[in-house]
Amino acid sequence: MTLTHHETAGAMSPIEDPHALLRFLEDLPELDQLKIELIDGKIVIQASAAPFHNLIVGKLTVQFMLQGWEALPDQALISPNSSFEPKADLTVTTLDAMSDNKNPFPADRVELVVEIVSSDKDVDYIKKRFWYGTSKIPLYLVIDPNIGMCSLHSQPQAHGYRTVTTSEFGEPIELPEPFSFAIDTTTFKLYPPKA
C-alpha cells in the first residue's frame, strides 16, 4: 500500500511534514505490525515480511555481531535528503555511533545497510540504492531471494554507487574494510515459486 503524504495528511491529520506524519502513523496501535517508511516523498506501508526474508535477517545479524558490529533490524534512517526515511532490513554500525540513542538514526553513522528484496524490486534496486548512495553510506548490500543473488554496492556517489559486485547464494560475500570478513550465504533460502 502506498499513500502520498498529501493524500494521507488530508484524510487523517493536518500534518504537512512527511516525517511528522510518519511519527503519527507509527504511534497508531492499529499499524503496530506494519513497516512504515518514507520513500521518495511517499509513505509506504508494508505487511510483515515472509519467514525466509526474516531468516536471512537473523543469520546476517548473528554474523555481524560475532564480528563485533551492531546490527539493527528495521532501523529508521535519516539524512539531509528529506524525501526519504527508509527502514533498512538491517543497519550495521558501532555501539559508539549509537551511544545517544538517536532515532531516526543518522545515515552518516552507518557503515553498511542491507535490503532483502520482497516484491517491489524498484524500491530496493533503484530508489533505496540512490538514497543510500547520496547519503554516503559506504556499503549497500541487496539480497534477492527471488533469484538467489546478492549485490554489494560500494563507493557511494551522487547517483547511487560507483561499484557493484554480485554473487550467488552459496558463495561468500567478501566485505572490504572496515569489516574484512566474508558473509556466509550457504544457508540463505530462495523464495518458493508462487502458486
N, C-alpha and C. Protein backbone atom coordinates (compact mmCIF):
# COMPACT_ATOMS: atom_id res chain seq x y z
N MET A 1 0.85 -1.17 0.00
CA MET A 1 0.00 0.00 0.00
C MET A 1 0.89 1.23 0.00
N THR A 2 0.66 2.17 -0.88
CA THR A 2 1.44 3.40 -0.95
C THR A 2 0.50 4.58 -0.88
N LEU A 3 0.79 5.49 0.05
CA LEU A 3 -0.02 6.69 0.19
C LEU A 3 0.90 7.90 0.09
N THR A 4 0.55 8.90 -0.68
CA THR A 4 1.36 10.11 -0.67
C THR A 4 1.06 10.85 0.60
N HIS A 5 2.05 11.59 1.10
CA HIS A 5 1.83 12.28 2.37
C HIS A 5 0.74 13.33 2.26
N HIS A 6 0.51 13.90 1.08
CA HIS A 6 -0.55 14.91 0.92
C HIS A 6 -1.93 14.26 1.06
N GLU A 7 -2.13 13.12 0.39
CA GLU A 7 -3.42 12.44 0.48
C GLU A 7 -3.70 11.98 1.91
N THR A 8 -2.69 11.41 2.55
CA THR A 8 -2.85 10.90 3.90
C THR A 8 -3.07 12.03 4.88
N ALA A 9 -2.31 13.11 4.73
CA ALA A 9 -2.43 14.22 5.66
C ALA A 9 -3.84 14.79 5.63
N GLY A 10 -4.42 14.92 4.46
CA GLY A 10 -5.76 15.47 4.36
C GLY A 10 -6.81 14.56 4.97
N ALA A 11 -6.61 13.26 4.88
CA ALA A 11 -7.62 12.32 5.36
C ALA A 11 -7.48 12.04 6.85
N MET A 12 -6.27 12.10 7.39
CA MET A 12 -6.06 11.64 8.75
C MET A 12 -5.62 12.73 9.73
N SER A 13 -4.95 13.74 9.26
CA SER A 13 -4.33 14.68 10.17
C SER A 13 -3.92 15.93 9.41
N PRO A 14 -3.84 17.06 10.09
CA PRO A 14 -3.39 18.28 9.41
C PRO A 14 -1.88 18.36 9.25
N ILE A 15 -1.18 17.29 9.54
CA ILE A 15 0.28 17.29 9.50
C ILE A 15 0.74 17.46 8.05
N GLU A 16 1.65 18.40 7.80
CA GLU A 16 2.18 18.63 6.46
C GLU A 16 3.57 18.03 6.28
N ASP A 17 4.35 17.94 7.35
CA ASP A 17 5.71 17.41 7.27
C ASP A 17 5.64 15.88 7.18
N PRO A 18 6.18 15.27 6.11
CA PRO A 18 6.06 13.82 5.97
C PRO A 18 6.74 13.04 7.10
N HIS A 19 7.79 13.60 7.70
CA HIS A 19 8.45 12.91 8.82
C HIS A 19 7.56 12.93 10.05
N ALA A 20 6.85 14.05 10.28
CA ALA A 20 5.90 14.12 11.39
C ALA A 20 4.74 13.17 11.15
N LEU A 21 4.30 13.07 9.89
CA LEU A 21 3.23 12.13 9.56
C LEU A 21 3.68 10.70 9.82
N LEU A 22 4.93 10.39 9.49
CA LEU A 22 5.47 9.07 9.77
C LEU A 22 5.42 8.76 11.26
N ARG A 23 5.83 9.73 12.11
CA ARG A 23 5.76 9.54 13.57
C ARG A 23 4.31 9.29 14.01
N PHE A 24 3.37 10.06 13.43
CA PHE A 24 1.95 9.91 13.76
C PHE A 24 1.47 8.49 13.44
N LEU A 25 1.80 8.01 12.24
CA LEU A 25 1.37 6.67 11.84
C LEU A 25 2.02 5.58 12.70
N GLU A 26 3.28 5.77 13.06
CA GLU A 26 3.97 4.78 13.89
C GLU A 26 3.34 4.66 15.28
N ASP A 27 2.70 5.73 15.73
CA ASP A 27 2.08 5.72 17.06
C ASP A 27 0.68 5.10 17.07
N LEU A 28 0.12 4.80 15.89
CA LEU A 28 -1.21 4.19 15.85
C LEU A 28 -1.12 2.70 16.16
N PRO A 29 -1.80 2.25 17.24
CA PRO A 29 -1.70 0.83 17.59
C PRO A 29 -2.18 -0.10 16.49
N GLU A 30 -3.11 0.36 15.66
CA GLU A 30 -3.64 -0.48 14.58
C GLU A 30 -2.57 -0.81 13.54
N LEU A 31 -1.49 -0.03 13.50
CA LEU A 31 -0.44 -0.25 12.50
C LEU A 31 0.83 -0.87 13.08
N ASP A 32 0.74 -1.35 14.31
CA ASP A 32 1.92 -1.88 15.01
C ASP A 32 2.68 -2.95 14.24
N GLN A 33 1.99 -3.81 13.53
CA GLN A 33 2.64 -4.94 12.86
C GLN A 33 3.12 -4.60 11.45
N LEU A 34 3.01 -3.33 11.05
CA LEU A 34 3.36 -2.94 9.70
C LEU A 34 4.67 -2.15 9.67
N LYS A 35 5.38 -2.26 8.57
CA LYS A 35 6.60 -1.48 8.35
C LYS A 35 6.19 -0.22 7.58
N ILE A 36 6.50 0.95 8.16
CA ILE A 36 6.10 2.22 7.56
C ILE A 36 7.35 3.02 7.24
N GLU A 37 7.52 3.38 5.96
CA GLU A 37 8.71 4.11 5.52
C GLU A 37 8.31 5.32 4.69
N LEU A 38 9.23 6.25 4.56
CA LEU A 38 9.09 7.37 3.63
C LEU A 38 10.07 7.12 2.49
N ILE A 39 9.55 6.87 1.28
CA ILE A 39 10.37 6.54 0.13
C ILE A 39 10.04 7.51 -1.00
N ASP A 40 10.99 8.32 -1.35
CA ASP A 40 10.83 9.26 -2.47
C ASP A 40 9.59 10.12 -2.30
N GLY A 41 9.39 10.63 -1.06
CA GLY A 41 8.29 11.53 -0.78
C GLY A 41 6.95 10.86 -0.52
N LYS A 42 6.89 9.53 -0.53
CA LYS A 42 5.64 8.82 -0.32
C LYS A 42 5.73 7.93 0.91
N ILE A 43 4.64 7.89 1.67
CA ILE A 43 4.55 6.95 2.79
C ILE A 43 4.25 5.57 2.21
N VAL A 44 5.07 4.59 2.55
CA VAL A 44 4.91 3.22 2.08
C VAL A 44 4.65 2.33 3.29
N ILE A 45 3.56 1.59 3.26
CA ILE A 45 3.17 0.71 4.36
C ILE A 45 3.19 -0.72 3.83
N GLN A 46 3.93 -1.58 4.55
CA GLN A 46 4.06 -2.98 4.11
C GLN A 46 3.68 -3.91 5.24
N ALA A 47 3.12 -5.05 4.88
CA ALA A 47 2.85 -6.10 5.85
C ALA A 47 4.17 -6.69 6.34
N SER A 48 4.10 -7.48 7.39
CA SER A 48 5.31 -8.10 7.90
C SER A 48 5.93 -9.00 6.83
N ALA A 49 7.23 -9.17 6.92
CA ALA A 49 7.97 -9.93 5.92
C ALA A 49 7.72 -11.44 6.06
N ALA A 50 8.03 -12.16 4.98
CA ALA A 50 7.88 -13.61 4.94
C ALA A 50 8.99 -14.29 5.76
N PRO A 51 8.77 -15.53 6.18
CA PRO A 51 9.76 -16.22 7.01
C PRO A 51 11.17 -16.30 6.42
N PHE A 52 11.33 -16.60 5.11
CA PHE A 52 12.67 -16.71 4.54
C PHE A 52 13.39 -15.35 4.57
N HIS A 53 12.65 -14.28 4.37
CA HIS A 53 13.19 -12.93 4.49
C HIS A 53 13.74 -12.72 5.90
N ASN A 54 12.92 -13.02 6.91
CA ASN A 54 13.32 -12.83 8.30
C ASN A 54 14.45 -13.77 8.70
N LEU A 55 14.49 -14.95 8.13
CA LEU A 55 15.56 -15.90 8.40
C LEU A 55 16.91 -15.31 7.96
N ILE A 56 16.95 -14.70 6.78
CA ILE A 56 18.19 -14.08 6.29
C ILE A 56 18.60 -12.93 7.19
N VAL A 57 17.64 -12.11 7.62
CA VAL A 57 17.96 -11.01 8.54
C VAL A 57 18.60 -11.55 9.82
N GLY A 58 18.02 -12.62 10.37
CA GLY A 58 18.56 -13.22 11.59
C GLY A 58 19.96 -13.77 11.41
N LYS A 59 20.19 -14.47 10.31
CA LYS A 59 21.51 -15.05 10.06
C LYS A 59 22.57 -13.96 9.86
N LEU A 60 22.21 -12.88 9.17
CA LEU A 60 23.14 -11.77 8.99
C LEU A 60 23.44 -11.08 10.32
N THR A 61 22.40 -10.89 11.13
CA THR A 61 22.59 -10.24 12.43
C THR A 61 23.62 -10.98 13.26
N VAL A 62 23.49 -12.28 13.32
CA VAL A 62 24.44 -13.10 14.09
C VAL A 62 25.86 -12.95 13.54
N GLN A 63 26.02 -13.02 12.21
CA GLN A 63 27.35 -12.92 11.62
C GLN A 63 28.02 -11.58 11.94
N PHE A 64 27.27 -10.48 11.83
CA PHE A 64 27.86 -9.17 12.12
C PHE A 64 28.18 -9.03 13.61
N MET A 65 27.29 -9.51 14.46
CA MET A 65 27.53 -9.37 15.90
C MET A 65 28.72 -10.22 16.35
N LEU A 66 28.90 -11.38 15.74
CA LEU A 66 30.08 -12.21 16.07
C LEU A 66 31.39 -11.53 15.67
N GLN A 67 31.31 -10.60 14.72
CA GLN A 67 32.50 -9.85 14.29
C GLN A 67 32.63 -8.52 15.04
N GLY A 68 31.78 -8.28 16.05
CA GLY A 68 31.91 -7.09 16.88
C GLY A 68 31.11 -5.88 16.42
N TRP A 69 30.20 -6.06 15.47
CA TRP A 69 29.38 -4.97 14.95
C TRP A 69 27.99 -5.01 15.56
N GLU A 70 27.30 -3.87 15.54
CA GLU A 70 25.91 -3.81 15.96
C GLU A 70 25.04 -3.87 14.71
N ALA A 71 24.04 -4.75 14.72
CA ALA A 71 23.16 -4.95 13.57
C ALA A 71 21.73 -4.68 14.01
N LEU A 72 21.12 -3.64 13.43
CA LEU A 72 19.81 -3.17 13.85
C LEU A 72 18.76 -3.44 12.77
N PRO A 73 17.81 -4.34 13.02
CA PRO A 73 16.77 -4.59 12.02
C PRO A 73 15.73 -3.47 12.00
N ASP A 74 15.25 -3.11 10.81
CA ASP A 74 14.18 -2.13 10.62
C ASP A 74 14.44 -0.79 11.31
N GLN A 75 15.68 -0.35 11.30
CA GLN A 75 16.04 0.93 11.91
C GLN A 75 15.73 2.09 10.95
N ALA A 76 14.95 3.06 11.40
CA ALA A 76 14.67 4.25 10.59
C ALA A 76 15.95 5.06 10.43
N LEU A 77 16.21 5.51 9.19
CA LEU A 77 17.41 6.27 8.87
C LEU A 77 17.04 7.64 8.33
N ILE A 78 17.92 8.63 8.57
CA ILE A 78 17.65 9.99 8.11
C ILE A 78 18.94 10.63 7.61
N SER A 79 18.79 11.51 6.62
CA SER A 79 19.92 12.29 6.12
C SER A 79 19.37 13.62 5.62
N PRO A 80 20.22 14.53 5.13
CA PRO A 80 19.70 15.78 4.60
C PRO A 80 18.71 15.61 3.44
N ASN A 81 18.74 14.48 2.74
CA ASN A 81 17.76 14.22 1.68
C ASN A 81 16.44 13.86 2.35
N SER A 82 15.60 14.86 2.60
CA SER A 82 14.44 14.69 3.47
C SER A 82 13.24 14.00 2.83
N SER A 83 13.32 13.65 1.55
CA SER A 83 12.19 12.95 0.94
C SER A 83 12.23 11.44 1.21
N PHE A 84 13.17 11.02 2.03
CA PHE A 84 13.31 9.61 2.39
C PHE A 84 13.46 9.47 3.90
N GLU A 85 12.92 8.40 4.43
CA GLU A 85 13.23 7.90 5.77
C GLU A 85 13.01 6.39 5.73
N PRO A 86 13.94 5.68 5.10
CA PRO A 86 13.77 4.24 4.97
C PRO A 86 14.05 3.52 6.29
N LYS A 87 13.52 2.31 6.39
CA LYS A 87 13.85 1.42 7.49
C LYS A 87 14.54 0.22 6.85
N ALA A 88 15.85 0.27 6.82
CA ALA A 88 16.61 -0.81 6.19
C ALA A 88 16.30 -2.13 6.90
N ASP A 89 16.32 -3.22 6.13
CA ASP A 89 16.11 -4.53 6.76
C ASP A 89 17.17 -4.77 7.82
N LEU A 90 18.40 -4.28 7.58
CA LEU A 90 19.47 -4.38 8.58
C LEU A 90 20.40 -3.19 8.41
N THR A 91 20.70 -2.52 9.51
CA THR A 91 21.63 -1.40 9.54
C THR A 91 22.80 -1.81 10.41
N VAL A 92 24.03 -1.69 9.88
CA VAL A 92 25.22 -2.11 10.62
C VAL A 92 26.01 -0.87 11.01
N THR A 93 26.35 -0.80 12.30
CA THR A 93 27.04 0.36 12.85
C THR A 93 27.85 -0.08 14.07
N THR A 94 28.32 0.89 14.85
CA THR A 94 29.06 0.58 16.07
C THR A 94 28.27 1.04 17.29
N LEU A 95 28.61 0.50 18.44
CA LEU A 95 27.97 0.89 19.68
C LEU A 95 28.24 2.37 19.97
N ASP A 96 29.47 2.83 19.70
CA ASP A 96 29.80 4.24 19.92
C ASP A 96 28.92 5.16 19.06
N ALA A 97 28.68 4.78 17.81
CA ALA A 97 27.89 5.62 16.90
C ALA A 97 26.45 5.78 17.36
N MET A 98 25.96 4.81 18.13
CA MET A 98 24.57 4.89 18.58
C MET A 98 24.44 5.21 20.06
N SER A 99 25.49 5.75 20.66
CA SER A 99 25.51 6.00 22.10
C SER A 99 24.45 6.99 22.56
N ASP A 100 24.02 7.92 21.70
CA ASP A 100 22.98 8.89 22.10
C ASP A 100 21.56 8.38 21.81
N ASN A 101 21.44 7.16 21.26
CA ASN A 101 20.15 6.51 21.01
C ASN A 101 19.26 7.33 20.08
N LYS A 102 19.87 8.04 19.12
CA LYS A 102 19.13 8.92 18.20
C LYS A 102 18.24 8.10 17.27
N ASN A 103 17.00 8.54 17.14
CA ASN A 103 16.04 7.88 16.26
C ASN A 103 15.13 8.93 15.64
N PRO A 104 15.03 9.00 14.31
CA PRO A 104 15.70 8.17 13.31
C PRO A 104 17.22 8.31 13.40
N PHE A 105 17.89 7.26 12.97
CA PHE A 105 19.34 7.17 13.10
C PHE A 105 20.03 7.88 11.93
N PRO A 106 21.02 8.75 12.21
CA PRO A 106 21.70 9.48 11.12
C PRO A 106 22.49 8.55 10.19
N ALA A 107 22.27 8.72 8.90
CA ALA A 107 22.93 7.87 7.89
C ALA A 107 24.45 7.99 7.93
N ASP A 108 24.97 9.14 8.38
CA ASP A 108 26.43 9.30 8.40
C ASP A 108 27.10 8.51 9.52
N ARG A 109 26.31 7.78 10.31
CA ARG A 109 26.87 6.91 11.35
C ARG A 109 26.79 5.43 10.96
N VAL A 110 26.36 5.17 9.74
CA VAL A 110 26.11 3.80 9.28
C VAL A 110 27.27 3.35 8.39
N GLU A 111 27.71 2.11 8.58
CA GLU A 111 28.78 1.54 7.75
C GLU A 111 28.22 0.70 6.60
N LEU A 112 27.07 0.06 6.82
CA LEU A 112 26.50 -0.83 5.80
C LEU A 112 25.00 -0.96 6.05
N VAL A 113 24.23 -1.01 4.97
CA VAL A 113 22.80 -1.34 5.06
C VAL A 113 22.51 -2.54 4.18
N VAL A 114 21.52 -3.31 4.61
CA VAL A 114 21.09 -4.49 3.86
C VAL A 114 19.60 -4.38 3.56
N GLU A 115 19.23 -4.65 2.32
CA GLU A 115 17.83 -4.79 1.95
C GLU A 115 17.65 -6.16 1.33
N ILE A 116 16.60 -6.85 1.76
CA ILE A 116 16.26 -8.15 1.21
C ILE A 116 15.01 -7.96 0.36
N VAL A 117 15.13 -8.23 -0.92
CA VAL A 117 14.06 -7.94 -1.88
C VAL A 117 12.85 -8.81 -1.59
N SER A 118 11.70 -8.17 -1.57
CA SER A 118 10.43 -8.91 -1.43
C SER A 118 9.71 -8.87 -2.76
N SER A 119 8.78 -7.93 -2.91
CA SER A 119 8.01 -7.90 -4.16
C SER A 119 8.34 -6.69 -5.03
N ASP A 120 8.46 -5.50 -4.46
CA ASP A 120 8.70 -4.29 -5.25
C ASP A 120 10.21 -4.08 -5.43
N LYS A 121 10.75 -4.66 -6.49
CA LYS A 121 12.19 -4.62 -6.72
C LYS A 121 12.70 -3.21 -6.96
N ASP A 122 11.90 -2.35 -7.59
CA ASP A 122 12.35 -0.99 -7.89
C ASP A 122 12.74 -0.21 -6.64
N VAL A 123 12.05 -0.45 -5.54
CA VAL A 123 12.39 0.26 -4.30
C VAL A 123 13.81 -0.08 -3.86
N ASP A 124 14.14 -1.37 -3.80
CA ASP A 124 15.46 -1.79 -3.32
C ASP A 124 16.56 -1.55 -4.35
N TYR A 125 16.29 -1.87 -5.61
CA TYR A 125 17.32 -1.78 -6.63
C TYR A 125 17.55 -0.36 -7.14
N ILE A 126 16.55 0.50 -7.07
CA ILE A 126 16.69 1.85 -7.65
C ILE A 126 16.57 2.94 -6.59
N LYS A 127 15.39 3.07 -5.97
CA LYS A 127 15.15 4.20 -5.07
C LYS A 127 16.03 4.18 -3.83
N LYS A 128 16.08 3.04 -3.14
CA LYS A 128 16.91 2.99 -1.93
C LYS A 128 18.39 3.03 -2.28
N ARG A 129 18.79 2.42 -3.37
CA ARG A 129 20.21 2.50 -3.78
C ARG A 129 20.61 3.95 -4.00
N PHE A 130 19.75 4.71 -4.65
CA PHE A 130 20.01 6.14 -4.86
C PHE A 130 20.15 6.86 -3.52
N TRP A 131 19.20 6.64 -2.60
CA TRP A 131 19.23 7.37 -1.32
C TRP A 131 20.42 6.97 -0.46
N TYR A 132 20.69 5.67 -0.37
CA TYR A 132 21.82 5.22 0.45
C TYR A 132 23.13 5.77 -0.12
N GLY A 133 23.27 5.78 -1.44
CA GLY A 133 24.48 6.31 -2.06
C GLY A 133 24.64 7.80 -1.86
N THR A 134 23.57 8.57 -2.12
CA THR A 134 23.66 10.03 -1.95
C THR A 134 23.79 10.41 -0.48
N SER A 135 23.38 9.52 0.42
CA SER A 135 23.56 9.75 1.86
C SER A 135 24.93 9.29 2.34
N LYS A 136 25.75 8.81 1.40
CA LYS A 136 27.14 8.42 1.64
C LYS A 136 27.31 7.24 2.61
N ILE A 137 26.34 6.33 2.59
CA ILE A 137 26.52 5.08 3.35
C ILE A 137 27.51 4.24 2.56
N PRO A 138 28.64 3.86 3.17
CA PRO A 138 29.73 3.23 2.41
C PRO A 138 29.37 1.96 1.64
N LEU A 139 28.53 1.10 2.23
CA LEU A 139 28.21 -0.18 1.59
C LEU A 139 26.71 -0.44 1.64
N TYR A 140 26.18 -0.93 0.52
CA TYR A 140 24.77 -1.28 0.42
C TYR A 140 24.69 -2.68 -0.16
N LEU A 141 24.12 -3.61 0.60
CA LEU A 141 24.00 -5.00 0.19
C LEU A 141 22.54 -5.31 -0.12
N VAL A 142 22.27 -5.73 -1.36
CA VAL A 142 20.94 -6.15 -1.78
C VAL A 142 20.97 -7.67 -1.89
N ILE A 143 20.06 -8.32 -1.18
CA ILE A 143 19.95 -9.78 -1.23
C ILE A 143 18.59 -10.10 -1.85
N ASP A 144 18.61 -10.87 -2.93
CA ASP A 144 17.38 -11.14 -3.67
C ASP A 144 17.06 -12.64 -3.66
N PRO A 145 16.21 -13.08 -2.72
CA PRO A 145 15.82 -14.49 -2.67
C PRO A 145 14.90 -14.92 -3.81
N ASN A 146 14.43 -13.98 -4.62
CA ASN A 146 13.65 -14.35 -5.81
C ASN A 146 14.53 -15.07 -6.83
N ILE A 147 15.81 -14.64 -6.92
CA ILE A 147 16.71 -15.19 -7.94
C ILE A 147 18.01 -15.76 -7.35
N GLY A 148 18.17 -15.67 -6.02
CA GLY A 148 19.36 -16.23 -5.38
C GLY A 148 20.63 -15.44 -5.64
N MET A 149 20.50 -14.11 -5.72
CA MET A 149 21.67 -13.26 -6.00
C MET A 149 21.86 -12.21 -4.90
N CYS A 150 23.12 -11.83 -4.70
CA CYS A 150 23.49 -10.77 -3.77
C CYS A 150 24.30 -9.73 -4.55
N SER A 151 24.03 -8.44 -4.29
CA SER A 151 24.75 -7.35 -4.95
C SER A 151 25.30 -6.43 -3.88
N LEU A 152 26.62 -6.32 -3.81
CA LEU A 152 27.27 -5.43 -2.85
C LEU A 152 27.68 -4.15 -3.58
N HIS A 153 27.06 -3.05 -3.20
CA HIS A 153 27.34 -1.74 -3.80
C HIS A 153 28.33 -0.99 -2.91
N SER A 154 29.34 -0.39 -3.53
CA SER A 154 30.35 0.35 -2.77
C SER A 154 30.72 1.62 -3.52
N GLN A 155 31.51 2.46 -2.87
CA GLN A 155 31.94 3.75 -3.41
C GLN A 155 30.74 4.64 -3.73
N PRO A 156 30.07 5.16 -2.68
CA PRO A 156 28.88 6.00 -2.89
C PRO A 156 29.21 7.25 -3.70
N GLN A 157 28.23 7.67 -4.49
CA GLN A 157 28.39 8.88 -5.32
C GLN A 157 27.03 9.56 -5.48
N ALA A 158 26.96 10.58 -6.29
CA ALA A 158 25.76 11.42 -6.41
C ALA A 158 24.52 10.67 -6.89
N HIS A 159 24.68 9.59 -7.64
CA HIS A 159 23.51 8.89 -8.19
C HIS A 159 23.43 7.44 -7.71
N GLY A 160 24.01 7.15 -6.56
CA GLY A 160 23.98 5.79 -6.04
C GLY A 160 25.36 5.32 -5.65
N TYR A 161 25.87 4.33 -6.38
CA TYR A 161 27.19 3.75 -6.08
C TYR A 161 27.96 3.54 -7.37
N ARG A 162 29.28 3.67 -7.26
CA ARG A 162 30.15 3.52 -8.43
C ARG A 162 30.41 2.05 -8.75
N THR A 163 30.48 1.19 -7.73
CA THR A 163 30.91 -0.20 -7.93
C THR A 163 29.86 -1.17 -7.40
N VAL A 164 29.64 -2.26 -8.13
CA VAL A 164 28.76 -3.32 -7.65
C VAL A 164 29.44 -4.67 -7.91
N THR A 165 29.39 -5.53 -6.91
CA THR A 165 29.94 -6.88 -7.01
C THR A 165 28.80 -7.86 -6.74
N THR A 166 28.60 -8.81 -7.64
CA THR A 166 27.50 -9.75 -7.46
C THR A 166 28.02 -11.14 -7.12
N SER A 167 27.17 -11.88 -6.42
CA SER A 167 27.48 -13.27 -6.09
C SER A 167 26.16 -14.03 -5.96
N GLU A 168 26.26 -15.34 -6.05
CA GLU A 168 25.08 -16.20 -5.94
C GLU A 168 24.97 -16.74 -4.53
N PHE A 169 23.75 -17.13 -4.14
CA PHE A 169 23.58 -17.80 -2.85
C PHE A 169 24.51 -19.01 -2.82
N GLY A 170 25.17 -19.20 -1.70
CA GLY A 170 26.14 -20.28 -1.55
C GLY A 170 27.57 -19.77 -1.66
N GLU A 171 27.78 -18.64 -2.31
CA GLU A 171 29.12 -18.04 -2.42
C GLU A 171 29.30 -17.01 -1.32
N PRO A 172 30.52 -16.86 -0.79
CA PRO A 172 30.75 -15.85 0.24
C PRO A 172 30.69 -14.45 -0.34
N ILE A 173 30.26 -13.48 0.48
CA ILE A 173 30.28 -12.07 0.11
C ILE A 173 31.44 -11.44 0.86
N GLU A 174 32.49 -11.10 0.13
CA GLU A 174 33.68 -10.52 0.74
C GLU A 174 33.44 -9.04 1.04
N LEU A 175 33.48 -8.67 2.30
CA LEU A 175 33.28 -7.28 2.69
C LEU A 175 34.63 -6.58 2.84
N PRO A 176 34.77 -5.37 2.30
CA PRO A 176 36.02 -4.63 2.44
C PRO A 176 36.15 -4.01 3.84
N GLU A 177 37.23 -3.28 4.07
CA GLU A 177 37.39 -2.52 5.30
C GLU A 177 36.19 -1.60 5.49
N PRO A 178 35.74 -1.37 6.68
CA PRO A 178 36.34 -1.77 7.96
C PRO A 178 35.93 -3.16 8.43
N PHE A 179 35.26 -3.95 7.58
CA PHE A 179 34.78 -5.26 8.00
C PHE A 179 35.84 -6.34 7.83
N SER A 180 36.30 -6.53 6.60
CA SER A 180 37.33 -7.52 6.28
C SER A 180 36.96 -8.93 6.75
N PHE A 181 35.74 -9.32 6.45
CA PHE A 181 35.34 -10.72 6.63
C PHE A 181 34.33 -11.04 5.54
N ALA A 182 34.03 -12.32 5.38
CA ALA A 182 33.10 -12.75 4.33
C ALA A 182 31.79 -13.21 4.96
N ILE A 183 30.69 -12.76 4.38
CA ILE A 183 29.37 -13.20 4.82
C ILE A 183 29.10 -14.58 4.23
N ASP A 184 28.68 -15.50 5.09
CA ASP A 184 28.32 -16.85 4.67
C ASP A 184 26.87 -16.85 4.18
N THR A 185 26.66 -17.22 2.92
CA THR A 185 25.30 -17.25 2.34
C THR A 185 24.79 -18.67 2.11
N THR A 186 25.51 -19.66 2.61
CA THR A 186 25.16 -21.05 2.28
C THR A 186 23.80 -21.48 2.83
N THR A 187 23.31 -20.79 3.87
CA THR A 187 22.01 -21.19 4.43
C THR A 187 20.87 -20.27 3.98
N PHE A 188 21.14 -19.31 3.09
CA PHE A 188 20.08 -18.44 2.56
C PHE A 188 19.15 -19.28 1.68
N LYS A 189 17.87 -19.04 1.79
CA LYS A 189 16.86 -19.81 1.05
C LYS A 189 16.23 -18.96 -0.05
N LEU A 190 16.00 -19.60 -1.20
CA LEU A 190 15.23 -18.97 -2.28
C LEU A 190 13.75 -18.96 -1.89
N TYR A 191 13.05 -17.90 -2.28
CA TYR A 191 11.61 -17.92 -2.09
C TYR A 191 11.02 -19.04 -2.92
N PRO A 192 10.04 -19.77 -2.37
CA PRO A 192 9.40 -20.81 -3.20
C PRO A 192 8.57 -20.19 -4.32
N PRO A 193 8.35 -20.93 -5.41
CA PRO A 193 7.53 -20.38 -6.50
C PRO A 193 6.13 -20.05 -6.00
N LYS A 194 5.56 -18.98 -6.53
CA LYS A 194 4.19 -18.61 -6.14
C LYS A 194 3.20 -19.51 -6.86
N ALA A 195 2.20 -19.93 -6.11
CA ALA A 195 1.21 -20.86 -6.66
C ALA A 195 0.28 -20.16 -7.63
